[in-house]
Structures are given as structure tokens and as C-alpha cells.
PDB file of N, CA and C in Angstrom:
ATOM      1  N   UNK A   1     187.515 138.125 234.864  1.00  0.00           N
ATOM      2  CA  UNK A   1     187.023 137.290 233.791  1.00  0.00           C
ATOM      3  C   UNK A   1     185.525 137.072 234.015  1.00  0.00           C
ATOM      4  N   UNK A   2     184.740 137.244 232.996  1.00  0.00           N
ATOM      5  CA  UNK A   2     183.308 137.088 233.052  1.00  0.00           C
ATOM      6  C   UNK A   2     182.923 135.732 232.441  1.00  0.00           C
ATOM      7  N   UNK A   3     182.087 134.985 233.188  1.00  0.00           N
ATOM      8  CA  UNK A   3     181.646 133.676 232.730  1.00  0.00           C
ATOM      9  C   UNK A   3     180.214 133.754 232.236  1.00  0.00           C
ATOM     10  N   UNK A   4     179.932 133.098 231.201  1.00  0.00           N
ATOM     11  CA  UNK A   4     178.561 133.032 230.747  1.00  0.00           C
ATOM     12  C   UNK A   4     177.911 131.807 231.356  1.00  0.00           C
ATOM     13  N   UNK A   5     176.607 131.691 231.187  1.00  0.00           N
ATOM     14  CA  UNK A   5     175.886 130.514 231.755  1.00  0.00           C
ATOM     15  C   UNK A   5     176.429 129.258 231.062  1.00  0.00           C
ATOM     16  N   UNK A   6     176.792 129.313 229.781  1.00  0.00           N
ATOM     17  CA  UNK A   6     177.339 128.132 229.087  1.00  0.00           C
ATOM     18  C   UNK A   6     178.629 127.689 229.706  1.00  0.00           C
ATOM     19  N   UNK A   7     179.538 128.635 230.021  1.00  0.00           N
ATOM     20  CA  UNK A   7     180.812 128.302 230.647  1.00  0.00           C
ATOM     21  C   UNK A   7     180.582 127.573 232.000  1.00  0.00           C
ATOM     22  N   UNK A   8     179.645 128.112 232.814  1.00  0.00           N
ATOM     23  CA  UNK A   8     179.361 127.504 234.075  1.00  0.00           C
ATOM     24  C   UNK A   8     178.771 126.096 233.922  1.00  0.00           C
ATOM     25  N   UNK A   9     177.902 125.936 232.969  1.00  0.00           N
ATOM     26  CA  UNK A   9     177.299 124.627 232.694  1.00  0.00           C
ATOM     27  C   UNK A   9     178.394 123.651 232.227  1.00  0.00           C
ATOM     28  N   UNK A  10     179.241 124.025 231.319  1.00  0.00           N
ATOM     29  CA  UNK A  10     180.321 123.159 230.820  1.00  0.00           C
ATOM     30  C   UNK A  10     181.272 122.814 231.954  1.00  0.00           C
ATOM     31  N   UNK A  11     181.633 123.732 232.768  1.00  0.00           N
ATOM     32  CA  UNK A  11     182.527 123.465 233.893  1.00  0.00           C
ATOM     33  C   UNK A  11     181.888 122.536 234.889  1.00  0.00           C
ATOM     34  N   UNK A  12     180.601 122.744 235.175  1.00  0.00           N
ATOM     35  CA  UNK A  12     179.873 121.886 236.108  1.00  0.00           C
ATOM     36  C   UNK A  12     179.779 120.443 235.541  1.00  0.00           C
ATOM     37  N   UNK A  13     179.477 120.368 234.246  1.00  0.00           N
ATOM     38  CA  UNK A  13     179.393 119.049 233.615  1.00  0.00           C
ATOM     39  C   UNK A  13     180.755 118.306 233.629  1.00  0.00           C
ATOM     40  N   UNK A  14     181.833 119.029 233.313  1.00  0.00           N
ATOM     41  CA  UNK A  14     183.156 118.432 233.374  1.00  0.00           C
ATOM     42  C   UNK A  14     183.492 117.949 234.813  1.00  0.00           C
ATOM     43  N   UNK A  15     183.191 118.794 235.799  1.00  0.00           N
ATOM     44  CA  UNK A  15     183.423 118.427 237.172  1.00  0.00           C
ATOM     45  C   UNK A  15     182.636 117.162 237.565  1.00  0.00           C
ATOM     46  N   UNK A  16     181.392 117.131 237.131  1.00  0.00           N
ATOM     47  CA  UNK A  16     180.535 115.988 237.440  1.00  0.00           C
ATOM     48  C   UNK A  16     181.042 114.703 236.799  1.00  0.00           C
ATOM     49  N   UNK A  17     181.467 114.799 235.539  1.00  0.00           N
ATOM     50  CA  UNK A  17     181.985 113.625 234.858  1.00  0.00           C
ATOM     51  C   UNK A  17     183.268 113.176 235.511  1.00  0.00           C
ATOM     52  N   UNK A  18     184.175 114.101 235.869  1.00  0.00           N
ATOM     53  CA  UNK A  18     185.422 113.784 236.502  1.00  0.00           C
ATOM     54  C   UNK A  18     185.118 113.057 237.861  1.00  0.00           C
ATOM     55  N   UNK A  19     184.177 113.554 238.615  1.00  0.00           N
ATOM     56  CA  UNK A  19     183.838 112.897 239.866  1.00  0.00           C
ATOM     57  C   UNK A  19     183.271 111.509 239.667  1.00  0.00           C
ATOM     58  N   UNK A  20     182.374 111.391 238.682  1.00  0.00           N
ATOM     59  CA  UNK A  20     181.817 110.070 238.389  1.00  0.00           C
ATOM     60  C   UNK A  20     182.913 109.059 237.987  1.00  0.00           C
ATOM     61  N   UNK A  21     183.768 109.475 237.095  1.00  0.00           N
ATOM     62  CA  UNK A  21     184.861 108.599 236.710  1.00  0.00           C
ATOM     63  C   UNK A  21     185.724 108.223 237.894  1.00  0.00           C
ATOM     64  N   UNK A  22     186.090 109.209 238.699  1.00  0.00           N
ATOM     65  CA  UNK A  22     186.903 108.956 239.878  1.00  0.00           C
ATOM     66  C   UNK A  22     186.234 107.945 240.805  1.00  0.00           C
ATOM     67  N   UNK A  23     184.952 108.110 241.033  1.00  0.00           N
ATOM     68  CA  UNK A  23     184.240 107.153 241.892  1.00  0.00           C
ATOM     69  C   UNK A  23     184.236 105.736 241.347  1.00  0.00           C
ATOM     70  N   UNK A  24     184.315 105.605 240.044  1.00  0.00           N
ATOM     71  CA  UNK A  24     184.391 104.303 239.422  1.00  0.00           C
ATOM     72  C   UNK A  24     185.808 103.739 239.321  1.00  0.00           C
ATOM     73  N   UNK A  25     186.762 104.554 239.774  1.00  0.00           N
ATOM     74  CA  UNK A  25     188.165 104.111 239.732  1.00  0.00           C
ATOM     75  C   UNK A  25     188.802 104.347 238.349  1.00  0.00           C
ATOM     76  N   UNK A  26     188.229 105.215 237.513  1.00  0.00           N
ATOM     77  CA  UNK A  26     188.740 105.506 236.167  1.00  0.00           C
ATOM     78  C   UNK A  26     189.323 106.935 236.199  1.00  0.00           C
ATOM     79  N   UNK A  27     190.524 107.064 235.781  1.00  0.00           N
ATOM     80  CA  UNK A  27     191.208 108.388 235.824  1.00  0.00           C
ATOM     81  C   UNK A  27     190.982 109.053 234.460  1.00  0.00           C
ATOM     82  N   UNK A  28     190.495 110.296 234.518  1.00  0.00           N
ATOM     83  CA  UNK A  28     190.308 111.088 233.326  1.00  0.00           C
ATOM     84  C   UNK A  28     190.761 112.499 233.621  1.00  0.00           C
ATOM     85  N   UNK A  29     191.543 113.095 232.797  1.00  0.00           N
ATOM     86  CA  UNK A  29     192.064 114.461 232.992  1.00  0.00           C
ATOM     87  C   UNK A  29     190.922 115.487 232.975  1.00  0.00           C
ATOM     88  N   UNK A  30     190.810 116.289 233.936  1.00  0.00           N
ATOM     89  CA  UNK A  30     189.775 117.309 233.996  1.00  0.00           C
ATOM     90  C   UNK A  30     189.996 118.409 232.961  1.00  0.00           C
ATOM     91  N   UNK A  31     191.202 118.512 232.434  1.00  0.00           N
ATOM     92  CA  UNK A  31     191.569 119.573 231.545  1.00  0.00           C
ATOM     93  C   UNK A  31     191.191 119.271 230.100  1.00  0.00           C
ATOM     94  N   UNK A  32     190.694 118.108 229.808  1.00  0.00           N
ATOM     95  CA  UNK A  32     190.213 117.762 228.477  1.00  0.00           C
ATOM     96  C   UNK A  32     189.054 118.666 228.077  1.00  0.00           C
ATOM     97  N   UNK A  33     188.930 118.900 226.774  1.00  0.00           N
ATOM     98  CA  UNK A  33     187.781 119.679 226.391  1.00  0.00           C
ATOM     99  C   UNK A  33     186.506 118.898 226.537  1.00  0.00           C
ATOM    100  N   UNK A  34     185.368 119.566 226.637  1.00  0.00           N
ATOM    101  CA  UNK A  34     184.077 118.953 226.912  1.00  0.00           C
ATOM    102  C   UNK A  34     183.743 117.866 225.888  1.00  0.00           C
ATOM    103  N   UNK A  35     183.972 118.161 224.596  1.00  0.00           N
ATOM    104  CA  UNK A  35     183.632 117.167 223.549  1.00  0.00           C
ATOM    105  C   UNK A  35     184.404 115.814 223.829  1.00  0.00           C
ATOM    106  N   UNK A  36     185.682 115.912 224.122  1.00  0.00           N
ATOM    107  CA  UNK A  36     186.439 114.700 224.394  1.00  0.00           C
ATOM    108  C   UNK A  36     186.002 113.975 225.651  1.00  0.00           C
ATOM    109  N   UNK A  37     185.644 114.733 226.679  1.00  0.00           N
ATOM    110  CA  UNK A  37     185.114 114.124 227.904  1.00  0.00           C
ATOM    111  C   UNK A  37     183.800 113.419 227.649  1.00  0.00           C
ATOM    112  N   UNK A  38     182.925 114.001 226.878  1.00  0.00           N
ATOM    113  CA  UNK A  38     181.636 113.386 226.547  1.00  0.00           C
ATOM    114  C   UNK A  38     181.830 112.114 225.725  1.00  0.00           C
ATOM    115  N   UNK A  39     182.766 112.119 224.781  1.00  0.00           N
ATOM    116  CA  UNK A  39     183.050 110.885 224.023  1.00  0.00           C
ATOM    117  C   UNK A  39     183.577 109.832 224.925  1.00  0.00           C
ATOM    118  N   UNK A  40     184.495 110.198 225.866  1.00  0.00           N
ATOM    119  CA  UNK A  40     185.022 109.238 226.841  1.00  0.00           C
ATOM    120  C   UNK A  40     183.876 108.660 227.693  1.00  0.00           C
ATOM    121  N   UNK A  41     182.982 109.539 228.106  1.00  0.00           N
ATOM    122  CA  UNK A  41     181.885 109.128 228.957  1.00  0.00           C
ATOM    123  C   UNK A  41     181.031 108.096 228.224  1.00  0.00           C
ATOM    124  N   UNK A  42     180.642 108.405 226.994  1.00  0.00           N
ATOM    125  CA  UNK A  42     179.786 107.466 226.224  1.00  0.00           C
ATOM    126  C   UNK A  42     180.508 106.195 225.962  1.00  0.00           C
ATOM    127  N   UNK A  43     181.801 106.247 225.691  1.00  0.00           N
ATOM    128  CA  UNK A  43     182.585 105.041 225.362  1.00  0.00           C
ATOM    129  C   UNK A  43     182.640 104.173 226.633  1.00  0.00           C
ATOM    130  N   UNK A  44     182.990 104.759 227.737  1.00  0.00           N
ATOM    131  CA  UNK A  44     183.210 103.996 229.001  1.00  0.00           C
ATOM    132  C   UNK A  44     181.849 103.564 229.562  1.00  0.00           C
ATOM    133  N   UNK A  45     180.855 104.350 229.463  1.00  0.00           N
ATOM    134  CA  UNK A  45     179.540 103.961 230.048  1.00  0.00           C
ATOM    135  C   UNK A  45     179.042 102.635 229.470  1.00  0.00           C
ATOM    136  N   UNK A  46     179.328 102.331 228.224  1.00  0.00           N
ATOM    137  CA  UNK A  46     178.902 101.055 227.641  1.00  0.00           C
ATOM    138  C   UNK A  46     179.780  99.872 228.163  1.00  0.00           C
ATOM    139  N   UNK A  47     180.952 100.173 228.666  1.00  0.00           N
ATOM    140  CA  UNK A  47     181.914  99.168 229.063  1.00  0.00           C
ATOM    141  C   UNK A  47     181.959  98.933 230.581  1.00  0.00           C
ATOM    142  N   UNK A  48     181.156  99.636 231.364  1.00  0.00           N
ATOM    143  CA  UNK A  48     181.216  99.490 232.783  1.00  0.00           C
ATOM    144  C   UNK A  48     180.611  98.154 233.221  1.00  0.00           C
ATOM    145  N   UNK A  49     181.233  97.541 234.230  1.00  0.00           N
ATOM    146  CA  UNK A  49     180.672  96.389 234.870  1.00  0.00           C
ATOM    147  C   UNK A  49     179.776  96.854 236.015  1.00  0.00           C
ATOM    148  N   UNK A  50     178.499  96.744 235.877  1.00  0.00           N
ATOM    149  CA  UNK A  50     177.609  97.246 236.880  1.00  0.00           C
ATOM    150  C   UNK A  50     177.650  96.438 238.161  1.00  0.00           C
ATOM    151  N   UNK A  51     177.437  97.147 239.263  1.00  0.00           N
ATOM    152  CA  UNK A  51     177.525  96.487 240.576  1.00  0.00           C
ATOM    153  C   UNK A  51     176.311  95.624 240.795  1.00  0.00           C
ATOM    154  N   UNK A  52     176.529  94.348 240.949  1.00  0.00           N
ATOM    155  CA  UNK A  52     175.482  93.411 241.380  1.00  0.00           C
ATOM    156  C   UNK A  52     176.186  92.126 241.805  1.00  0.00           C
ATOM    157  N   UNK A  53     175.549  91.440 242.714  1.00  0.00           N
ATOM    158  CA  UNK A  53     176.075  90.197 243.157  1.00  0.00           C
ATOM    159  C   UNK A  53     176.015  89.165 242.046  1.00  0.00           C
ATOM    160  N   UNK A  54     177.072  88.374 241.862  1.00  0.00           N
ATOM    161  CA  UNK A  54     177.129  87.375 240.813  1.00  0.00           C
ATOM    162  C   UNK A  54     177.593  86.063 241.340  1.00  0.00           C
ATOM    163  N   UNK A  55     177.162  85.016 240.814  1.00  0.00           N
ATOM    164  CA  UNK A  55     177.739  83.706 241.132  1.00  0.00           C
ATOM    165  C   UNK A  55     179.015  83.577 240.282  1.00  0.00           C
ATOM    166  N   UNK A  56     180.106  83.211 240.923  1.00  0.00           N
ATOM    167  CA  UNK A  56     181.367  83.113 240.228  1.00  0.00           C
ATOM    168  C   UNK A  56     181.777  81.591 240.226  1.00  0.00           C
ATOM    169  N   UNK A  57     181.926  81.086 239.054  1.00  0.00           N
ATOM    170  CA  UNK A  57     182.344  79.700 238.856  1.00  0.00           C
ATOM    171  C   UNK A  57     183.729  79.698 238.241  1.00  0.00           C
ATOM    172  N   UNK A  58     184.588  78.898 238.816  1.00  0.00           N
ATOM    173  CA  UNK A  58     185.988  78.738 238.292  1.00  0.00           C
ATOM    174  C   UNK A  58     186.216  77.286 238.018  1.00  0.00           C
ATOM    175  N   UNK A  59     186.787  77.041 236.828  1.00  0.00           N
ATOM    176  CA  UNK A  59     187.016  75.657 236.443  1.00  0.00           C
ATOM    177  C   UNK A  59     188.074  75.091 237.318  1.00  0.00           C
ATOM    178  N   UNK A  60     188.097  73.797 237.550  1.00  0.00           N
ATOM    179  CA  UNK A  60     189.148  73.123 238.381  1.00  0.00           C
ATOM    180  C   UNK A  60     190.542  73.404 237.780  1.00  0.00           C
ATOM    181  N   UNK A  61     190.621  73.444 236.430  1.00  0.00           N
ATOM    182  CA  UNK A  61     191.880  73.673 235.760  1.00  0.00           C
ATOM    183  C   UNK A  61     192.457  75.050 236.126  1.00  0.00           C
ATOM    184  N   UNK A  62     191.561  76.048 236.090  1.00  0.00           N
ATOM    185  CA  UNK A  62     191.969  77.409 236.412  1.00  0.00           C
ATOM    186  C   UNK A  62     192.311  77.505 237.881  1.00  0.00           C
ATOM    187  N   UNK A  63     191.610  76.901 238.774  1.00  0.00           N
ATOM    188  CA  UNK A  63     191.932  76.895 240.192  1.00  0.00           C
ATOM    189  C   UNK A  63     193.351  76.425 240.425  1.00  0.00           C
ATOM    190  N   UNK A  64     193.743  75.332 239.713  1.00  0.00           N
ATOM    191  CA  UNK A  64     195.118  74.802 239.878  1.00  0.00           C
ATOM    192  C   UNK A  64     196.139  75.816 239.340  1.00  0.00           C
ATOM    193  N   UNK A  65     195.890  76.417 238.199  1.00  0.00           N
ATOM    194  CA  UNK A  65     196.837  77.409 237.639  1.00  0.00           C
ATOM    195  C   UNK A  65     196.944  78.644 238.505  1.00  0.00           C
ATOM    196  N   UNK A  66     195.885  79.024 239.152  1.00  0.00           N
ATOM    197  CA  UNK A  66     195.900  80.223 240.020  1.00  0.00           C
ATOM    198  C   UNK A  66     196.757  80.037 241.253  1.00  0.00           C
ATOM    199  N   UNK A  67     197.023  78.855 241.667  1.00  0.00           N
ATOM    200  CA  UNK A  67     197.809  78.581 242.893  1.00  0.00           C
ATOM    201  C   UNK A  67     199.205  79.192 242.727  1.00  0.00           C
ATOM    202  N   UNK A  68     199.749  79.187 241.543  1.00  0.00           N
ATOM    203  CA  UNK A  68     201.105  79.733 241.323  1.00  0.00           C
ATOM    204  C   UNK A  68     201.133  80.893 240.376  1.00  0.00           C
ATOM    205  N   UNK A  69     200.005  81.421 239.975  1.00  0.00           N
ATOM    206  CA  UNK A  69     199.953  82.520 239.019  1.00  0.00           C
ATOM    207  C   UNK A  69     200.410  83.833 239.646  1.00  0.00           C
ATOM    208  N   UNK A  70     201.189  84.665 238.972  1.00  0.00           N
ATOM    209  CA  UNK A  70     201.632  85.947 239.562  1.00  0.00           C
ATOM    210  C   UNK A  70     200.465  86.932 239.835  1.00  0.00           C
ATOM    211  N   UNK A  71     199.389  86.811 239.175  1.00  0.00           N
ATOM    212  CA  UNK A  71     198.221  87.709 239.392  1.00  0.00           C
ATOM    213  C   UNK A  71     197.138  87.074 240.241  1.00  0.00           C
ATOM    214  N   UNK A  72     197.532  86.108 241.028  1.00  0.00           N
ATOM    215  CA  UNK A  72     196.574  85.358 241.835  1.00  0.00           C
ATOM    216  C   UNK A  72     195.754  86.294 242.764  1.00  0.00           C
ATOM    217  N   UNK A  73     196.468  87.226 243.413  1.00  0.00           N
ATOM    218  CA  UNK A  73     195.725  88.131 244.384  1.00  0.00           C
ATOM    219  C   UNK A  73     194.734  88.977 243.650  1.00  0.00           C
ATOM    220  N   UNK A  74     195.074  89.460 242.469  1.00  0.00           N
ATOM    221  CA  UNK A  74     194.141  90.334 241.693  1.00  0.00           C
ATOM    222  C   UNK A  74     192.884  89.501 241.275  1.00  0.00           C
ATOM    223  N   UNK A  75     193.161  88.264 240.830  1.00  0.00           N
ATOM    224  CA  UNK A  75     192.020  87.404 240.417  1.00  0.00           C
ATOM    225  C   UNK A  75     191.137  87.090 241.618  1.00  0.00           C
ATOM    226  N   UNK A  76     191.752  86.847 242.786  1.00  0.00           N
ATOM    227  CA  UNK A  76     190.939  86.588 243.995  1.00  0.00           C
ATOM    228  C   UNK A  76     190.122  87.770 244.390  1.00  0.00           C
ATOM    229  N   UNK A  77     190.729  88.991 244.246  1.00  0.00           N
ATOM    230  CA  UNK A  77     189.984  90.206 244.599  1.00  0.00           C
ATOM    231  C   UNK A  77     188.795  90.386 243.586  1.00  0.00           C
ATOM    232  N   UNK A  78     189.016  90.114 242.337  1.00  0.00           N
ATOM    233  CA  UNK A  78     187.937  90.249 241.354  1.00  0.00           C
ATOM    234  C   UNK A  78     186.797  89.253 241.671  1.00  0.00           C
ATOM    235  N   UNK A  79     187.169  88.036 241.959  1.00  0.00           N
ATOM    236  CA  UNK A  79     186.189  87.011 242.290  1.00  0.00           C
ATOM    237  C   UNK A  79     185.351  87.445 243.508  1.00  0.00           C
ATOM    238  N   UNK A  80     186.047  87.960 244.529  1.00  0.00           N
ATOM    239  CA  UNK A  80     185.307  88.387 245.782  1.00  0.00           C
ATOM    240  C   UNK A  80     184.433  89.548 245.456  1.00  0.00           C
ATOM    241  N   UNK A  81     184.915  90.529 244.721  1.00  0.00           N
ATOM    242  CA  UNK A  81     184.110  91.713 244.418  1.00  0.00           C
ATOM    243  C   UNK A  81     182.871  91.386 243.567  1.00  0.00           C
ATOM    244  N   UNK A  82     183.091  90.474 242.584  1.00  0.00           N
ATOM    245  CA  UNK A  82     181.957  90.065 241.785  1.00  0.00           C
ATOM    246  C   UNK A  82     180.895  89.322 242.611  1.00  0.00           C
ATOM    247  N   UNK A  83     181.328  88.473 243.509  1.00  0.00           N
ATOM    248  CA  UNK A  83     180.361  87.710 244.318  1.00  0.00           C
ATOM    249  C   UNK A  83     179.638  88.585 245.329  1.00  0.00           C
ATOM    250  N   UNK A  84     180.210  89.729 245.742  1.00  0.00           N
ATOM    251  CA  UNK A  84     179.641  90.614 246.744  1.00  0.00           C
ATOM    252  C   UNK A  84     178.980  91.780 246.125  1.00  0.00           C
ATOM    253  N   UNK A  85     179.083  91.957 244.792  1.00  0.00           N
ATOM    254  CA  UNK A  85     178.473  93.097 244.122  1.00  0.00           C
ATOM    255  C   UNK A  85     179.326  94.366 244.193  1.00  0.00           C
ATOM    256  N   UNK A  86     180.627  94.234 244.350  1.00  0.00           N
ATOM    257  CA  UNK A  86     181.529  95.360 244.431  1.00  0.00           C
ATOM    258  C   UNK A  86     181.969  95.887 243.087  1.00  0.00           C
ATOM    259  N   UNK A  87     182.784  96.931 243.176  1.00  0.00           N
ATOM    260  CA  UNK A  87     183.291  97.583 241.983  1.00  0.00           C
ATOM    261  C   UNK A  87     184.563  96.905 241.467  1.00  0.00           C
ATOM    262  N   UNK A  88     184.507  96.479 240.211  1.00  0.00           N
ATOM    263  CA  UNK A  88     185.669  95.862 239.551  1.00  0.00           C
ATOM    264  C   UNK A  88     186.148  96.638 238.392  1.00  0.00           C
ATOM    265  N   UNK A  89     185.553  97.823 238.174  1.00  0.00           N
ATOM    266  CA  UNK A  89     185.907  98.599 236.943  1.00  0.00           C
ATOM    267  C   UNK A  89     187.349  99.069 236.941  1.00  0.00           C
ATOM    268  N   UNK A  90     187.933  99.308 238.081  1.00  0.00           N
ATOM    269  CA  UNK A  90     189.329  99.733 238.053  1.00  0.00           C
ATOM    270  C   UNK A  90     190.301  98.615 237.694  1.00  0.00           C
ATOM    271  N   UNK A  91     189.821  97.391 237.572  1.00  0.00           N
ATOM    272  CA  UNK A  91     190.635  96.264 237.107  1.00  0.00           C
ATOM    273  C   UNK A  91     190.644  96.235 235.575  1.00  0.00           C
ATOM    274  N   UNK A  92     189.824  97.004 234.938  1.00  0.00           N
ATOM    275  CA  UNK A  92     189.791  96.978 233.431  1.00  0.00           C
ATOM    276  C   UNK A  92     191.046  97.622 232.856  1.00  0.00           C
ATOM    277  N   UNK A  93     191.301  97.296 231.625  1.00  0.00           N
ATOM    278  CA  UNK A  93     192.470  97.730 230.937  1.00  0.00           C
ATOM    279  C   UNK A  93     192.557  99.263 230.818  1.00  0.00           C
ATOM    280  N   UNK A  94     193.775  99.754 230.649  1.00  0.00           N
ATOM    281  CA  UNK A  94     193.979 101.179 230.408  1.00  0.00           C
ATOM    282  C   UNK A  94     193.478 101.612 229.052  1.00  0.00           C
ATOM    283  N   UNK A  95     193.192 100.644 228.207  1.00  0.00           N
ATOM    284  CA  UNK A  95     192.637 100.929 226.861  1.00  0.00           C
ATOM    285  C   UNK A  95     191.140 101.122 226.870  1.00  0.00           C
ATOM    286  N   UNK A  96     190.550 101.266 228.048  1.00  0.00           N
ATOM    287  CA  UNK A  96     189.143 101.379 228.208  1.00  0.00           C
ATOM    288  C   UNK A  96     188.568 102.593 227.368  1.00  0.00           C
ATOM    289  N   UNK A  97     189.351 103.590 227.132  1.00  0.00           N
ATOM    290  CA  UNK A  97     188.893 104.761 226.448  1.00  0.00           C
ATOM    291  C   UNK A  97     188.838 104.553 224.879  1.00  0.00           C
ATOM    292  N   UNK A  98     189.501 103.538 224.412  1.00  0.00           N
ATOM    293  CA  UNK A  98     189.507 103.268 223.016  1.00  0.00           C
ATOM    294  C   UNK A  98     188.196 102.625 222.576  1.00  0.00           C
ATOM    295  N   UNK A  99     187.548 103.258 221.658  1.00  0.00           N
ATOM    296  CA  UNK A  99     186.196 102.807 221.293  1.00  0.00           C
ATOM    297  C   UNK A  99     186.134 101.429 220.709  1.00  0.00           C
ATOM    298  N   UNK A 100     187.172 100.982 220.065  1.00  0.00           N
ATOM    299  CA  UNK A 100     187.210  99.647 219.398  1.00  0.00           C
ATOM    300  C   UNK A 100     187.742  98.555 220.313  1.00  0.00           C
ATOM    301  N   UNK A 101     188.202  98.912 221.520  1.00  0.00           N
ATOM    302  CA  UNK A 101     188.740  97.962 222.486  1.00  0.00           C
ATOM    303  C   UNK A 101     187.680  97.445 223.451  1.00  0.00           C
ATOM    304  N   UNK A 102     187.610  96.136 223.633  1.00  0.00           N
ATOM    305  CA  UNK A 102     186.689  95.529 224.574  1.00  0.00           C
ATOM    306  C   UNK A 102     187.426  94.704 225.604  1.00  0.00           C
ATOM    307  N   UNK A 103     187.310  95.140 226.837  1.00  0.00           N
ATOM    308  CA  UNK A 103     188.032  94.457 227.902  1.00  0.00           C
ATOM    309  C   UNK A 103     187.371  93.147 228.219  1.00  0.00           C
ATOM    310  N   UNK A 104     188.141  92.105 228.416  1.00  0.00           N
ATOM    311  CA  UNK A 104     187.585  90.763 228.700  1.00  0.00           C
ATOM    312  C   UNK A 104     186.877  90.749 230.058  1.00  0.00           C
ATOM    313  N   UNK A 105     187.202  91.642 230.951  1.00  0.00           N
ATOM    314  CA  UNK A 105     186.531  91.666 232.289  1.00  0.00           C
ATOM    315  C   UNK A 105     185.017  91.859 232.121  1.00  0.00           C
ATOM    316  N   UNK A 106     184.676  92.648 231.124  1.00  0.00           N
ATOM    317  CA  UNK A 106     183.234  92.914 230.889  1.00  0.00           C
ATOM    318  C   UNK A 106     182.480  91.660 230.498  1.00  0.00           C
ATOM    319  N   UNK A 107     183.174  90.732 229.874  1.00  0.00           N
ATOM    320  CA  UNK A 107     182.530  89.476 229.356  1.00  0.00           C
ATOM    321  C   UNK A 107     182.772  88.367 230.334  1.00  0.00           C
TER     322      UNK A 107
END
């Protein structure tokens, strides 16, 4: 099979996007066509929570609720990662690829 320069470029671009998504904790199938992968990239790129240290404030009411909440560990991990500048993108919804969906974690 003979590859053109365009095929090599498209394959390299797909591999690069797949690696970037994987590093962010987002799973994307490598077998998607390039157009779909580029749309996913542009959609997700606007929704990423960028790594930076943040001050995290939790209301006293929420602190009380978290003591018995089933997702307490996840919330504690998110708080810790936000305060240290870590990656929280893999905590976002599976609907991240939907252009009209906005995950509350971003806000």
C-alpha cells in the first residue's frame, strides 16, 4: 500500500490528537475519521479546565452534606486537584463531546 503525504499527515494528526486527549484523561477512538476528531478537538478544547492553582471555597452547608455524600471521595479529590493545579478534566461528564452540553465542573 502506498501512502501519500496527505495520508501521513492525517495519520500523524490523528495520533497526536489521540495522545493529547489521552493525556487529559479523555478517551477518543483513534479510528474516527479526521473531520470527526477535529470537531471533537475543537468542542473539547473550549471545555477544558486548565491546570492552575485555585483557591477552593466550600460553604459550611456543603461541608456538612459531604460528610455522608456517596461521592465524597471524588469531591475531595477535585478540591485537592484544583487547589494544587492538577488535572480535573477526567472528572467531567461523558457528554463532553456534545457541542451543546456544558459540564458544571468548568464553571
